[in-house]
C-alpha atoms as a PDB file:
ATOM      1  CA  UNK A   1      92.474 107.843 129.838  1.00  0.00           C
ATOM      2  CA  UNK A   2      93.447 111.243 128.082  1.00  0.00           C
ATOM      3  CA  UNK A   3      91.511 112.908 125.411  1.00  0.00           C
ATOM      4  CA  UNK A   4      91.316 111.419 122.027  1.00  0.00           C
ATOM      5  CA  UNK A   5      94.260 112.688 119.726  1.00  0.00           C
ATOM      6  CA  UNK A   6      93.104 115.235 116.990  1.00  0.00           C
ATOM      7  CA  UNK A   7      94.539 114.318 113.629  1.00  0.00           C
ATOM      8  CA  UNK A   8      93.994 116.258 110.404  1.00  0.00           C
ATOM      9  CA  UNK A   9      94.479 114.388 107.089  1.00  0.00           C
ATOM     10  CA  UNK A  10      95.647 116.476 104.329  1.00  0.00           C
ATOM     11  CA  UNK A  11      94.654 116.449 100.696  1.00  0.00           C
ATOM     12  CA  UNK A  12      97.033 114.532  98.374  1.00  0.00           C
ATOM     13  CA  UNK A  13     100.304 116.317  98.235  1.00  0.00           C
ATOM     14  CA  UNK A  14     103.454 115.901  95.632  1.00  0.00           C
ATOM     15  CA  UNK A  15     106.983 116.181  97.000  1.00  0.00           C
ATOM     16  CA  UNK A  16     106.465 114.389 100.483  1.00  0.00           C
ATOM     17  CA  UNK A  17     109.449 112.065 100.496  1.00  0.00           C
ATOM     18  CA  UNK A  18     111.342 113.905 102.930  1.00  0.00           C
ATOM     19  CA  UNK A  19     108.344 113.847 105.534  1.00  0.00           C
ATOM     20  CA  UNK A  20     107.772 110.171 104.905  1.00  0.00           C
ATOM     21  CA  UNK A  21     111.292 108.855 104.930  1.00  0.00           C
ATOM     22  CA  UNK A  22     111.589 109.050 108.732  1.00  0.00           C
ATOM     23  CA  UNK A  23     108.392 107.091 109.039  1.00  0.00           C
ATOM     24  CA  UNK A  24     109.307 104.490 106.911  1.00  0.00           C
ATOM     25  CA  UNK A  25     112.749 104.220 108.575  1.00  0.00           C
ATOM     26  CA  UNK A  26     110.994 103.883 111.960  1.00  0.00           C
ATOM     27  CA  UNK A  27     109.114 100.581 110.744  1.00  0.00           C
ATOM     28  CA  UNK A  28     112.181  98.113 109.988  1.00  0.00           C
ATOM     29  CA  UNK A  29     109.882  95.153 110.298  1.00  0.00           C
ATOM     30  CA  UNK A  30     107.957  96.339 107.259  1.00  0.00           C
ATOM     31  CA  UNK A  31     110.375  98.397 105.359  1.00  0.00           C
ATOM     32  CA  UNK A  32     113.912  96.788 106.552  1.00  0.00           C
ATOM     33  CA  UNK A  33     115.273  96.408 102.785  1.00  0.00           C
ATOM     34  CA  UNK A  34     117.462  99.471 102.241  1.00  0.00           C
ATOM     35  CA  UNK A  35     117.078  99.305  98.439  1.00  0.00           C
ATOM     36  CA  UNK A  36     113.272  98.934  98.757  1.00  0.00           C
ATOM     37  CA  UNK A  37     113.058 101.803 101.283  1.00  0.00           C
ATOM     38  CA  UNK A  38     115.181 103.969  98.962  1.00  0.00           C
ATOM     39  CA  UNK A  39     112.797 103.027  95.895  1.00  0.00           C
ATOM     40  CA  UNK A  40     109.705 104.030  98.148  1.00  0.00           C
ATOM     41  CA  UNK A  41     111.335 107.405  98.970  1.00  0.00           C
ATOM     42  CA  UNK A  42     112.063 108.154  95.252  1.00  0.00           C
ATOM     43  CA  UNK A  43     108.500 107.229  94.094  1.00  0.00           C
ATOM     44  CA  UNK A  44     106.879 109.150  97.056  1.00  0.00           C
ATOM     45  CA  UNK A  45     108.322 112.428  95.715  1.00  0.00           C
ATOM     46  CA  UNK A  46     106.125 112.027  92.518  1.00  0.00           C
ATOM     47  CA  UNK A  47     103.118 110.399  93.726  1.00  0.00           C
ATOM     48  CA  UNK A  48     100.047 111.790  95.489  1.00  0.00           C
ATOM     49  CA  UNK A  49     100.615 111.604  99.349  1.00  0.00           C
ATOM     50  CA  UNK A  50      98.028 112.166 102.164  1.00  0.00           C
ATOM     51  CA  UNK A  51      99.647 113.100 105.460  1.00  0.00           C
ATOM     52  CA  UNK A  52      98.268 112.537 108.996  1.00  0.00           C
ATOM     53  CA  UNK A  53      99.214 115.649 110.981  1.00  0.00           C
ATOM     54  CA  UNK A  54      98.868 116.524 114.604  1.00  0.00           C
ATOM     55  CA  UNK A  55      99.820 120.069 115.337  1.00  0.00           C
ATOM     56  CA  UNK A  56     101.679 120.043 112.091  1.00  0.00           C
ATOM     57  CA  UNK A  57     103.811 117.109 112.860  1.00  0.00           C
ATOM     58  CA  UNK A  58     103.402 114.165 110.466  1.00  0.00           C
ATOM     59  CA  UNK A  59     102.467 111.062 112.346  1.00  0.00           C
ATOM     60  CA  UNK A  60     101.641 108.675 109.280  1.00  0.00           C
ATOM     61  CA  UNK A  61     101.099 108.958 105.606  1.00  0.00           C
ATOM     62  CA  UNK A  62      99.415 106.994 102.571  1.00  0.00           C
ATOM     63  CA  UNK A  63     100.694 107.315  98.968  1.00  0.00           C
ATOM     64  CA  UNK A  64      98.526 106.577  96.040  1.00  0.00           C
ATOM     65  CA  UNK A  65      99.413 105.437  92.572  1.00  0.00           C
ATOM     66  CA  UNK A  66      96.940 105.345  89.596  1.00  0.00           C
ATOM     67  CA  UNK A  67      96.979 102.609  87.226  1.00  0.00           C
ATOM     68  CA  UNK A  68      93.999 103.418  85.024  1.00  0.00           C
ATOM     69  CA  UNK A  69      90.960 105.583  84.980  1.00  0.00           C
ATOM     70  CA  UNK A  70      89.190 103.024  87.244  1.00  0.00           C
ATOM     71  CA  UNK A  71      91.944 101.649  89.544  1.00  0.00           C
ATOM     72  CA  UNK A  72      94.335 103.208  92.102  1.00  0.00           C
ATOM     73  CA  UNK A  73      96.657 101.518  94.442  1.00  0.00           C
ATOM     74  CA  UNK A  74      97.516 102.331  97.986  1.00  0.00           C
ATOM     75  CA  UNK A  75     101.198 102.153  96.961  1.00  0.00           C
ATOM     76  CA  UNK A  76     102.772 102.512 100.491  1.00  0.00           C
ATOM     77  CA  UNK A  77     101.621 103.471 103.724  1.00  0.00           C
ATOM     78  CA  UNK A  78     103.419 104.097 107.331  1.00  0.00           C
ATOM     79  CA  UNK A  79     102.450 105.403 110.514  1.00  0.00           C
ATOM     80  CA  UNK A  80     104.900 105.807 113.494  1.00  0.00           C
ATOM     81  CA  UNK A  81     104.765 102.820 115.886  1.00  0.00           C
ATOM     82  CA  UNK A  82     104.206 104.826 118.949  1.00  0.00           C
ATOM     83  CA  UNK A  83     100.875 105.862 117.610  1.00  0.00           C
ATOM     84  CA  UNK A  84      99.737 102.571 116.074  1.00  0.00           C
ATOM     85  CA  UNK A  85      96.153 101.347 116.791  1.00  0.00           C
ATOM     86  CA  UNK A  86      94.966 104.886 117.408  1.00  0.00           C
ATOM     87  CA  UNK A  87      92.904 105.043 114.162  1.00  0.00           C
ATOM     88  CA  UNK A  88      95.497 107.022 112.062  1.00  0.00           C
ATOM     89  CA  UNK A  89      95.631 104.314 109.415  1.00  0.00           C
ATOM     90  CA  UNK A  90      91.926 103.923 109.282  1.00  0.00           C
ATOM     91  CA  UNK A  91      91.592 107.760 108.891  1.00  0.00           C
ATOM     92  CA  UNK A  92      94.198 107.760 106.071  1.00  0.00           C
ATOM     93  CA  UNK A  93      92.620 104.995 104.221  1.00  0.00           C
ATOM     94  CA  UNK A  94      89.008 106.641 104.707  1.00  0.00           C
ATOM     95  CA  UNK A  95      90.213 110.136 103.180  1.00  0.00           C
ATOM     96  CA  UNK A  96      92.234 108.497 100.226  1.00  0.00           C
ATOM     97  CA  UNK A  97      88.740 106.485  99.257  1.00  0.00           C
ATOM     98  CA  UNK A  98      86.901 109.901  99.467  1.00  0.00           C
ATOM     99  CA  UNK A  99      89.585 111.383  97.301  1.00  0.00           C
ATOM    100  CA  UNK A 100      89.500 108.373  94.889  1.00  0.00           C
ATOM    101  CA  UNK A 101      85.665 108.210  94.708  1.00  0.00           C
ATOM    102  CA  UNK A 102      85.656 111.983  93.862  1.00  0.00           C
ATOM    103  CA  UNK A 103      87.742 111.076  90.872  1.00  0.00           C
ATOM    104  CA  UNK A 104      85.619 108.393  89.735  1.00  0.00           C
ATOM    105  CA  UNK A 105      88.059 105.585  90.699  1.00  0.00           C
ATOM    106  CA  UNK A 106      86.072 102.298  91.092  1.00  0.00           C
ATOM    107  CA  UNK A 107      88.865  99.917  92.523  1.00  0.00           C
ATOM    108  CA  UNK A 108      91.145 100.468  95.161  1.00  0.00           C
ATOM    109  CA  UNK A 109      94.002  98.124  95.448  1.00  0.00           C
ATOM    110  CA  UNK A 110      96.920  97.073  97.790  1.00  0.00           C
ATOM    111  CA  UNK A 111      99.843  94.784  97.523  1.00  0.00           C
ATOM    112  CA  UNK A 112     101.261  93.134 100.719  1.00  0.00           C
ATOM    113  CA  UNK A 113     103.043  90.108 101.814  1.00  0.00           C
ATOM    114  CA  UNK A 114     100.929  86.755 101.248  1.00  0.00           C
ATOM    115  CA  UNK A 115      99.766  84.610 104.039  1.00  0.00           C
ATOM    116  CA  UNK A 116     101.829  81.759 102.654  1.00  0.00           C
ATOM    117  CA  UNK A 117     104.827  83.764 104.418  1.00  0.00           C
ATOM    118  CA  UNK A 118     104.602  83.300 108.083  1.00  0.00           C
ATOM    119  CA  UNK A 119     105.545  86.775 108.998  1.00  0.00           C
ATOM    120  CA  UNK A 120     103.494  88.077 112.023  1.00  0.00           C
ATOM    121  CA  UNK A 121     103.676  91.770 111.425  1.00  0.00           C
ATOM    122  CA  UNK A 122     102.281  91.211 108.009  1.00  0.00           C
ATOM    123  CA  UNK A 123      99.521  88.939 109.445  1.00  0.00           C
ATOM    124  CA  UNK A 124      98.374  92.320 111.322  1.00  0.00           C
ATOM    125  CA  UNK A 125      98.700  94.190 108.053  1.00  0.00           C
ATOM    126  CA  UNK A 126      96.466  91.731 106.344  1.00  0.00           C
ATOM    127  CA  UNK A 127      93.976  92.078 109.121  1.00  0.00           C
ATOM    128  CA  UNK A 128      93.981  95.891 108.927  1.00  0.00           C
ATOM    129  CA  UNK A 129      93.264  95.918 105.223  1.00  0.00           C
ATOM    130  CA  UNK A 130      90.512  93.311 105.810  1.00  0.00           C
ATOM    131  CA  UNK A 131      88.994  95.573 108.380  1.00  0.00           C
ATOM    132  CA  UNK A 132      89.209  98.399 105.902  1.00  0.00           C
ATOM    133  CA  UNK A 133      87.129  96.301 103.485  1.00  0.00           C
ATOM    134  CA  UNK A 134      89.979  95.026 101.140  1.00  0.00           C
ATOM    135  CA  UNK A 135      89.608  91.460 100.140  1.00  0.00           C
ATOM    136  CA  UNK A 136      92.268  88.976  98.908  1.00  0.00           C
ATOM    137  CA  UNK A 137      92.087  88.585  95.230  1.00  0.00           C
ATOM    138  CA  UNK A 138      95.268  86.510  94.133  1.00  0.00           C
ATOM    139  CA  UNK A 139      98.710  85.647  95.210  1.00  0.00           C
ATOM    140  CA  UNK A 140     101.518  86.184  92.953  1.00  0.00           C
ATOM    141  CA  UNK A 141     104.340  83.973  94.309  1.00  0.00           C
ATOM    142  CA  UNK A 142     107.032  85.531  92.320  1.00  0.00           C
ATOM    143  CA  UNK A 143     106.096  89.169  91.734  1.00  0.00           C
ATOM    144  CA  UNK A 144     108.737  90.309  94.213  1.00  0.00           C
ATOM    145  CA  UNK A 145     110.736  87.274  94.780  1.00  0.00           C
ATOM    146  CA  UNK A 146     110.100  83.535  95.905  1.00  0.00           C
ATOM    147  CA  UNK A 147     110.789  84.399  99.505  1.00  0.00           C
ATOM    148  CA  UNK A 148     108.380  87.454  99.481  1.00  0.00           C
ATOM    149  CA  UNK A 149     105.131  86.331  97.714  1.00  0.00           C
ATOM    150  CA  UNK A 150     102.738  89.009  96.957  1.00  0.00           C
ATOM    151  CA  UNK A 151      99.101  89.085  97.840  1.00  0.00           C
ATOM    152  CA  UNK A 152      96.938  91.564  95.927  1.00  0.00           C
ATOM    153  CA  UNK A 153      93.827  92.802  97.795  1.00  0.00           C
ATOM    154  CA  UNK A 154      90.982  94.835  96.379  1.00  0.00           C
ATOM    155  CA  UNK A 155      88.179  97.057  97.525  1.00  0.00           C
ATOM    156  CA  UNK A 156      85.217  98.154  95.403  1.00  0.00           C
ATOM    157  CA  UNK A 157      84.507 101.865  95.804  1.00  0.00           C
ATOM    158  CA  UNK A 158      81.364 101.948  93.631  1.00  0.00           C
ATOM    159  CA  UNK A 159      80.471 102.891  90.273  1.00  0.00           C
ATOM    160  CA  UNK A 160      80.953 106.525  89.523  1.00  0.00           C
ATOM    161  CA  UNK A 161      80.039 108.691  86.526  1.00  0.00           C
ATOM    162  CA  UNK A 162      82.760 108.949  84.072  1.00  0.00           C
ATOM    163  CA  UNK A 163      81.690 111.976  81.963  1.00  0.00           C
ATOM    164  CA  UNK A 164      84.041 114.372  83.906  1.00  0.00           C
ATOM    165  CA  UNK A 165      87.072 111.963  83.329  1.00  0.00           C
ATOM    166  CA  UNK A 166      89.531 111.900  80.704  1.00  0.00           C
ATOM    167  CA  UNK A 167      89.587 108.736  78.890  1.00  0.00           C
ATOM    168  CA  UNK A 168      93.385 108.190  79.048  1.00  0.00           C
ATOM    169  CA  UNK A 169      95.512 106.437  81.578  1.00  0.00           C
ATOM    170  CA  UNK A 170      97.070 109.606  83.042  1.00  0.00           C
ATOM    171  CA  UNK A 171      98.311 110.303  86.448  1.00  0.00           C
ATOM    172  CA  UNK A 172      95.875 111.001  89.264  1.00  0.00           C
ATOM    173  CA  UNK A 173      95.433 114.595  90.259  1.00  0.00           C
ATOM    174  CA  UNK A 174      96.728 115.570  93.583  1.00  0.00           C
END
């Protein structure tokens, strides 16, 4: 066995769609619908995105979307398939959680394909999120469309002091 891979996780950055698009396109089992992929690329450009870097090369990313002063979403995440199961996804989620806790975010959510759909890739995705501490909250059978039921998963990050946060529903600071 070789030495463990040294990965650096960036702080959230804006304008990362060009870096993230090749990763999305390398994952057709998860991001194989062209219009959805284009939508992710458009959204990533304006949302805070963490990058997993090895020697300045992006191997994975995680994009965040804040919904309220208390809730943020893991909007989209991808890791090149050749480096799956090497701790990159875990490192991205851990860094995202640290950023969110520092901003006083109490709940972290992610939407994924529900287990009522028999896709084996998404069974692994759900298992990954569960291993990170996310718990299934509710299935929305038609949020996306009837053939793609949505599972909302949540993770409690802990109560935080709200005194330093604005009491509005503004965008997360990168």
